[in-house]
Protein backbone atom coordinates (compact mmCIF):
# COMPACT_ATOMS: atom_id res chain seq x y z
CA MET A 1 -70.91 -21.46 212.03
CA GLY A 2 -72.64 -22.68 215.18
CA SER A 3 -70.49 -20.40 217.34
CA THR A 4 -71.39 -17.34 215.30
CA SER A 5 -73.78 -15.06 217.18
CA SER A 6 -76.41 -13.18 215.31
CA CYS A 7 -76.88 -9.49 215.95
CA CYS A 8 -80.58 -9.83 215.31
CA ALA A 9 -81.17 -12.42 218.06
CA SER A 10 -83.44 -11.11 220.84
CA THR A 11 -82.09 -11.05 224.41
CA SER A 12 -83.64 -12.95 227.28
CA PRO A 13 -85.84 -11.22 229.92
CA LYS A 14 -83.03 -11.51 232.49
CA LEU A 15 -80.60 -9.71 230.25
CA ARG A 16 -83.18 -7.03 229.52
CA SER A 17 -83.90 -6.49 233.22
CA SER A 18 -80.21 -6.31 234.05
CA ALA A 19 -79.71 -3.86 231.28
CA ARG A 20 -82.39 -1.64 232.78
CA SER A 21 -80.78 -1.79 236.22
CA ARG A 22 -77.45 -0.48 234.96
CA PRO A 23 -76.99 3.26 235.01
CA GLU A 24 -77.68 4.83 231.69
CA GLU A 25 -74.64 5.86 229.77
CA PRO A 26 -74.74 9.19 228.03
CA GLU A 27 -75.97 8.70 224.54
CA LYS A 28 -73.50 9.58 221.87
CA ILE A 29 -74.92 12.07 219.50
CA CYS A 30 -73.47 12.14 216.09
CA GLU A 31 -73.06 15.74 215.17
CA GLU A 32 -74.23 16.48 211.67
CA PRO A 33 -73.53 19.61 209.73
CA SER A 34 -76.28 22.16 210.32
CA TYR A 35 -78.10 23.66 207.38
CA SER A 36 -79.90 27.00 207.35
CA LEU A 37 -82.77 25.68 205.26
CA GLN A 38 -86.07 27.07 206.55
CA HIS A 39 -88.86 24.63 207.27
CA ILE A 40 -91.90 24.92 205.02
CA SER A 41 -94.20 25.57 208.01
CA ASP A 42 -92.02 28.51 209.03
CA ARG A 43 -92.19 29.89 205.52
CA GLU A 44 -95.97 29.56 205.33
CA HIS A 45 -96.78 31.01 208.75
CA GLY A 46 -93.80 33.23 209.31
CA GLY A 47 -95.95 36.30 208.71
CA GLU A 48 -98.17 35.55 211.70
CA LEU A 49 -95.84 37.61 213.87
CA ASN A 50 -96.18 40.59 211.55
CA LEU A 51 -99.85 40.61 210.67
CA GLU A 52 -100.30 44.36 210.84
CA SER A 53 -97.79 44.95 208.04
CA ASN A 54 -99.24 42.35 205.68
CA PRO A 55 -102.95 43.10 205.26
CA SER A 56 -102.99 41.92 201.66
CA ASP A 57 -101.79 38.44 202.68
CA HIS A 58 -103.56 37.78 206.00
CA PRO A 59 -107.34 38.05 206.46
CA ARG A 60 -107.09 39.09 210.11
CA ALA A 61 -104.83 42.09 209.49
CA SER A 62 -106.43 45.50 209.19
CA THR A 63 -106.25 47.13 205.77
CA LEU A 64 -103.81 50.00 205.42
CA PHE A 65 -106.30 52.48 203.99
CA LEU A 66 -108.73 51.92 206.86
CA SER A 67 -105.95 52.49 209.40
CA LYS A 68 -104.76 55.66 207.67
CA SER A 69 -108.28 57.10 207.57
CA GLN A 70 -109.11 56.67 211.26
CA THR A 71 -108.18 60.22 212.26
CA ASP A 72 -110.31 61.84 209.58
CA ILE A 73 -113.14 59.36 210.04
CA GLN A 74 -113.48 60.19 213.75
CA ASP A 75 -114.11 63.85 212.95
CA LYS A 76 -116.61 62.97 210.23
CA ARG A 77 -118.45 60.57 212.52
CA GLU A 78 -118.96 63.36 215.03
CA ARG A 79 -120.39 65.62 212.33
CA LEU A 80 -122.64 62.82 211.07
CA TYR A 81 -123.87 62.24 214.61
CA VAL A 82 -124.80 65.91 214.96
CA ASN A 83 -126.52 65.99 211.56
CA HIS A 84 -128.46 62.83 212.34
CA HIS A 85 -129.83 64.21 215.60
CA HIS A 86 -130.73 67.52 213.95
CA GLY A 87 -132.68 65.76 211.24
CA THR A 88 -130.37 66.59 208.32
CA SER A 89 -129.25 63.02 207.61
CA ARG A 90 -130.41 61.66 204.24
CA LYS A 91 -129.71 58.01 205.01
CA ARG A 92 -132.75 55.76 205.02
CA TYR A 93 -132.87 53.01 207.61
CA SER A 94 -134.71 49.70 207.39
CA SER A 95 -137.63 48.94 209.65
CA CYS A 96 -139.83 45.95 210.39
CA SER A 97 -142.08 46.75 207.45
CA THR A 98 -139.56 48.14 204.95
CA ILE A 99 -136.07 46.94 204.01
CA TYR A 100 -133.78 49.16 201.95
CA LEU A 101 -131.18 47.49 199.75
CA ASP A 102 -128.67 48.63 197.18
CA ASP A 103 -127.29 46.76 194.20
CA ASN A 104 -123.81 46.43 195.70
CA THR A 105 -122.89 42.93 196.89
CA VAL A 106 -119.61 41.13 197.47
CA SER A 107 -120.21 38.86 194.48
CA GLN A 108 -121.43 41.67 192.19
CA PRO A 109 -120.15 45.07 193.37
CA ASN A 110 -121.45 48.27 191.85
CA LEU A 111 -118.78 49.62 189.51
CA LYS A 112 -119.23 53.36 190.08
CA PHE A 113 -119.56 53.00 193.84
CA THR A 114 -116.51 50.70 194.07
CA ILE A 115 -114.31 53.07 192.06
CA LYS A 116 -115.34 55.93 194.34
CA CYS A 117 -114.40 53.87 197.39
CA VAL A 118 -111.04 52.84 195.92
CA SER A 119 -110.21 56.43 194.98
CA LEU A 120 -111.09 57.49 198.52
CA ALA A 121 -108.77 54.82 199.93
CA ILE A 122 -105.94 56.04 197.69
CA TYR A 123 -106.65 59.61 198.77
CA TYR A 124 -106.09 58.66 202.43
CA HIS A 125 -102.92 56.80 201.48
CA ILE A 126 -101.51 59.99 199.98
CA LYS A 127 -102.83 62.41 202.58
CA ASN A 128 -101.74 60.47 205.67
CA ARG A 129 -98.46 59.12 204.36
CA ASP A 130 -95.42 58.82 206.59
CA PRO A 131 -93.44 62.06 206.20
CA ASP A 132 -90.18 60.25 206.99
CA GLY A 133 -90.88 57.22 204.79
CA GLN A 134 -89.38 56.40 201.43
CA SER A 135 -91.79 57.69 198.80
CA LEU A 136 -90.27 57.55 195.36
CA LEU A 137 -88.83 54.75 193.29
CA ASP A 138 -87.55 55.63 189.84
CA ILE A 139 -90.04 53.41 188.02
CA PHE A 140 -92.97 55.21 189.70
CA ASP A 141 -91.54 58.73 189.60
CA GLU A 142 -93.73 60.78 187.28
CA LYS A 143 -90.91 63.23 186.70
CA LEU A 144 -88.73 60.48 185.22
CA HIS A 145 -91.59 58.62 183.52
CA PRO A 146 -94.30 61.16 182.69
CA LEU A 147 -97.71 59.93 181.55
CA SER A 148 -98.20 62.92 179.25
CA LYS A 149 -96.06 65.29 177.23
CA SER A 150 -97.17 68.28 179.24
CA GLU A 151 -94.49 69.71 181.51
CA VAL A 152 -94.47 68.34 185.04
CA PRO A 153 -94.58 71.17 187.63
CA GLU A 154 -91.64 71.65 189.96
CA ASP A 155 -93.81 70.99 193.01
CA TYR A 156 -95.41 67.90 191.47
CA ASP A 157 -94.50 65.84 194.55
CA LYS A 158 -95.78 68.38 197.08
CA GLN A 159 -99.44 69.09 196.23
CA ASN A 160 -101.85 66.36 197.34
CA PRO A 161 -104.46 65.50 194.71
CA GLU A 162 -108.14 65.78 195.51
CA GLN A 163 -110.30 62.70 195.75
CA ARG A 164 -112.26 63.65 192.65
CA HIS A 165 -109.05 63.86 190.58
CA ILE A 166 -108.08 60.35 191.65
CA TYR A 167 -111.59 59.12 190.84
CA ARG A 168 -111.48 60.71 187.38
CA PHE A 169 -108.12 59.07 186.59
CA ILE A 170 -109.28 55.59 187.65
CA ARG A 171 -112.70 55.94 186.03
CA THR A 172 -111.10 56.87 182.69
CA LEU A 173 -108.97 53.73 182.71
CA PHE A 174 -111.83 51.46 183.78
CA SER A 175 -114.36 52.84 181.31
CA SER A 176 -111.93 52.80 178.39
CA ALA A 177 -110.64 49.30 179.12
CA GLN A 178 -114.14 48.05 180.16
CA LEU A 179 -112.90 46.63 183.46
CA THR A 180 -115.15 45.23 186.19
CA ALA A 181 -115.75 46.33 189.77
CA GLU A 182 -114.04 43.20 191.09
CA CYS A 183 -110.90 44.31 189.26
CA ALA A 184 -110.96 47.58 191.23
CA ILE A 185 -110.89 45.69 194.53
CA VAL A 186 -108.02 43.48 193.34
CA THR A 187 -106.23 46.66 192.23
CA LEU A 188 -106.37 47.98 195.79
CA VAL A 189 -105.06 44.64 197.13
CA TYR A 190 -102.05 44.76 194.78
CA LEU A 191 -101.48 48.43 195.63
CA GLU A 192 -101.25 47.81 199.37
CA ARG A 193 -99.18 44.67 198.81
CA LEU A 194 -96.70 46.76 196.85
CA LEU A 195 -96.50 49.40 199.59
CA THR A 196 -95.85 46.68 202.16
CA TYR A 197 -93.30 44.66 200.21
CA ALA A 198 -91.38 47.61 198.75
CA GLU A 199 -91.69 49.66 201.97
CA ILE A 200 -92.73 52.82 200.19
CA ASP A 201 -95.56 55.34 200.53
CA MET A 202 -97.85 56.88 197.99
CA CYS A 203 -97.25 60.56 197.35
CA PRO A 204 -98.32 63.14 194.77
CA GLY A 205 -95.34 62.25 192.58
CA ASN A 206 -95.90 58.49 192.25
CA TRP A 207 -99.57 57.67 192.83
CA LYS A 208 -100.59 57.69 189.16
CA ARG A 209 -97.97 55.19 188.02
CA ILE A 210 -98.55 52.96 191.05
CA VAL A 211 -102.29 52.89 190.34
CA LEU A 212 -101.64 52.28 186.64
CA GLY A 213 -99.35 49.34 187.39
CA ALA A 214 -101.85 47.84 189.84
CA ILE A 215 -104.72 48.17 187.33
CA LEU A 216 -102.57 46.70 184.57
CA LEU A 217 -101.74 43.65 186.67
CA ALA A 218 -105.22 43.20 188.15
CA SER A 219 -106.88 43.28 184.73
CA LYS A 220 -104.62 40.49 183.49
CA VAL A 221 -105.07 38.32 186.56
CA TRP A 222 -108.80 38.83 187.14
CA ASP A 223 -110.48 39.35 183.76
CA ASP A 224 -110.75 36.51 181.28
CA GLN A 225 -110.12 38.84 178.34
CA ALA A 226 -107.17 40.82 179.57
CA VAL A 227 -106.29 44.23 178.20
CA TRP A 228 -102.95 44.29 176.41
CA ASN A 229 -100.27 46.80 177.27
CA VAL A 230 -100.60 48.38 173.85
CA ASP A 231 -104.28 49.06 174.60
CA TYR A 232 -103.31 51.28 177.52
CA CYS A 233 -101.14 53.23 175.12
CA GLN A 234 -104.32 54.06 173.21
CA ILE A 235 -105.89 55.38 176.42
CA LEU A 236 -102.80 57.27 177.60
CA LYS A 237 -101.64 58.67 174.27
CA ASP A 238 -98.16 59.77 175.34
CA ILE A 239 -96.96 56.56 177.00
CA THR A 240 -94.97 53.92 175.13
CA VAL A 241 -95.32 50.14 175.11
CA GLU A 242 -91.75 49.78 176.37
CA ASP A 243 -92.60 51.92 179.39
CA MET A 244 -95.71 49.83 180.09
CA ASN A 245 -93.72 46.60 179.84
CA GLU A 246 -91.05 47.91 182.20
CA LEU A 247 -93.69 49.11 184.65
CA GLU A 248 -95.38 45.70 184.67
CA ARG A 249 -92.09 43.83 185.04
CA GLU A 250 -90.81 45.89 187.97
CA PHE A 251 -94.23 45.88 189.64
CA LEU A 252 -94.21 42.08 189.56
CA GLU A 253 -90.67 41.94 190.92
CA LEU A 254 -91.57 44.26 193.81
CA LEU A 255 -94.58 42.03 194.56
CA GLN A 256 -92.19 39.06 194.57
CA PHE A 257 -94.55 37.60 191.93
CA ASN A 258 -97.21 37.11 194.61
CA ILE A 259 -100.40 37.82 192.65
CA ASN A 260 -102.65 35.42 194.56
CA VAL A 261 -105.77 37.00 196.07
CA PRO A 262 -107.74 34.50 198.23
CA SER A 263 -111.46 34.93 198.67
CA SER A 264 -110.96 35.89 202.33
CA ILE A 265 -108.68 38.78 201.35
CA TYR A 266 -111.07 39.92 198.63
CA ALA A 267 -114.05 39.87 201.03
CA LYS A 268 -112.09 41.75 203.71
CA TYR A 269 -111.21 44.56 201.31
CA TYR A 270 -114.79 44.72 200.01
CA PHE A 271 -116.32 45.13 203.46
CA ASP A 272 -113.59 47.53 204.62
CA LEU A 273 -114.35 49.69 201.58
CA ARG A 274 -118.00 49.73 202.61
CA LEU A 275 -116.98 50.80 206.11
CA LEU A 276 -114.85 53.57 204.63
CA ALA A 277 -117.73 54.72 202.43
CA GLU A 278 -120.18 54.76 205.32
CA ALA A 279 -117.79 56.71 207.53
CA ASN A 280 -117.36 59.32 204.78
CA ASN A 281 -121.10 59.53 204.08
CA LEU A 282 -120.56 57.98 200.65
CA THR A 283 -123.69 55.94 200.10
CA ASN A 284 -124.98 53.91 197.20
CA PRO A 285 -128.62 54.63 196.24
CA THR A 286 -130.98 52.23 197.97
CA GLU A 287 -134.43 51.05 197.05
CA ALA A 288 -137.16 49.47 199.12
CA LEU A 289 -137.18 45.69 198.87
CA SER A 290 -140.12 44.81 196.66
CA ARG A 291 -142.00 41.52 196.64
CA GLU A 292 -140.60 40.61 193.22
CA ARG A 293 -137.01 41.22 194.26
CA ALA A 294 -137.47 39.33 197.52
CA LEU A 295 -138.82 36.31 195.62
CA LYS A 296 -135.88 36.50 193.22
CA LEU A 297 -133.36 36.55 196.07
CA GLU A 298 -135.13 33.68 197.80
CA THR A 299 -135.16 31.62 194.60
CA MET A 300 -131.46 32.24 193.98
CA SER A 301 -130.58 31.22 197.54
CA ARG A 302 -132.71 28.06 197.37
CA LEU A 303 -131.29 27.00 194.01
CA TYR A 304 -127.77 27.57 195.27
CA GLU A 305 -128.40 25.40 198.34
CA GLU A 306 -129.84 22.64 196.17
CA TYR A 307 -126.90 22.84 193.79
CA LYS A 308 -124.42 22.74 196.69
CA ASN A 309 -126.12 19.71 198.26
CA LEU A 310 -126.23 17.97 194.90
CA SER A 311 -122.53 18.61 194.36
CA LYS A 312 -121.69 17.07 197.74
CA ALA A 313 -123.84 13.99 197.14
CA SER A 314 -122.75 13.23 193.58
CA PRO A 315 -119.40 11.48 193.01
CA GLN A 316 -116.62 13.45 191.41
CA ARG A 317 -116.45 12.81 187.68
CA SER A 318 -114.53 14.29 184.86
CA VAL A 319 -116.29 16.90 182.77
CA SER A 320 -117.58 15.68 179.40
CA PHE A 321 -119.37 17.39 176.55
CA ASP A 322 -122.70 16.25 177.97
CA ASN A 323 -122.38 18.35 181.13
CA LEU A 324 -119.96 20.99 179.95
CA THR A 325 -122.51 23.82 180.10
CA MET A 326 -123.52 24.46 183.70
CA THR A 327 -125.39 27.31 185.35
CA ARG A 328 -123.46 29.11 188.05
CA TRP A 329 -125.48 30.27 191.05
CA VAL A 330 -124.23 32.61 193.72
CA PRO A 331 -125.70 33.12 197.20
CA ALA A 332 -127.86 36.16 197.73
CA ILE A 333 -126.20 38.73 199.98
CA LEU A 334 -128.37 41.35 201.65
CA SER A 335 -126.22 44.43 201.98
């Protein structure tokens, strides 16, 4: 056993130096079978190279409706510029002594104003669609799946709807189902995500069913008390529950079951809708900031800062019945 050499014995400095002086032999690489499994980092950030086509997934990508409205907005901006310099503009601007605010904030959007903005975004989607793009899928084709028993005209996929018709359709669904303004913004996110993933365009023959599917999904994801599919059958009298279920199922499949809406995406769509409204002279009524309202906003901001600092300082504990009821404060946003 004494003559047995151990493979774990360390070599002497002389042997190590001589080993370094010898020319290096090419290292033998053991070839292993290659697998086509994608790394998780590539899957998470693979869309960085295609930001422009994924606005509903990436905060830095421009929204589709804002891009489609640029041509029309440029003409309207020129008219607004002329009206402003001729004294016909009705917009009130803040000054050092007076600040004008509306009741539309990112945390609590105004319902009527938000629905108008969303309907305007859908209008530009239909009007400035790609003429060579794929427009109709069977599940969204109103000829194959009509929403009413009335006969669908032959040119149903040729005549672009007016913005007020789109607004009336969305407002009816939201008022009947008692949906919130935040749900309207999420509806627009799902709508543009569908157009990107399925590579289709909105047209006069499919916009109603696409909007209906987006509202149906957004109401279930966003609202705590979701509206059932059978409830929509009470609003749209001639549609069946089976049709609603099929619409929801195929909508989810086309979204690849990606129903996540981060706060950054939500905020981007909110502010882009405000830009769209301002460019189209669609304003929300403003009121001068009173002393009482200013004190209320200041109090809400201060309480939120105190609550945030207290949350950072206190150790994380599990919720018990003693502290189950908590007041939720949101930061004041001056629009």
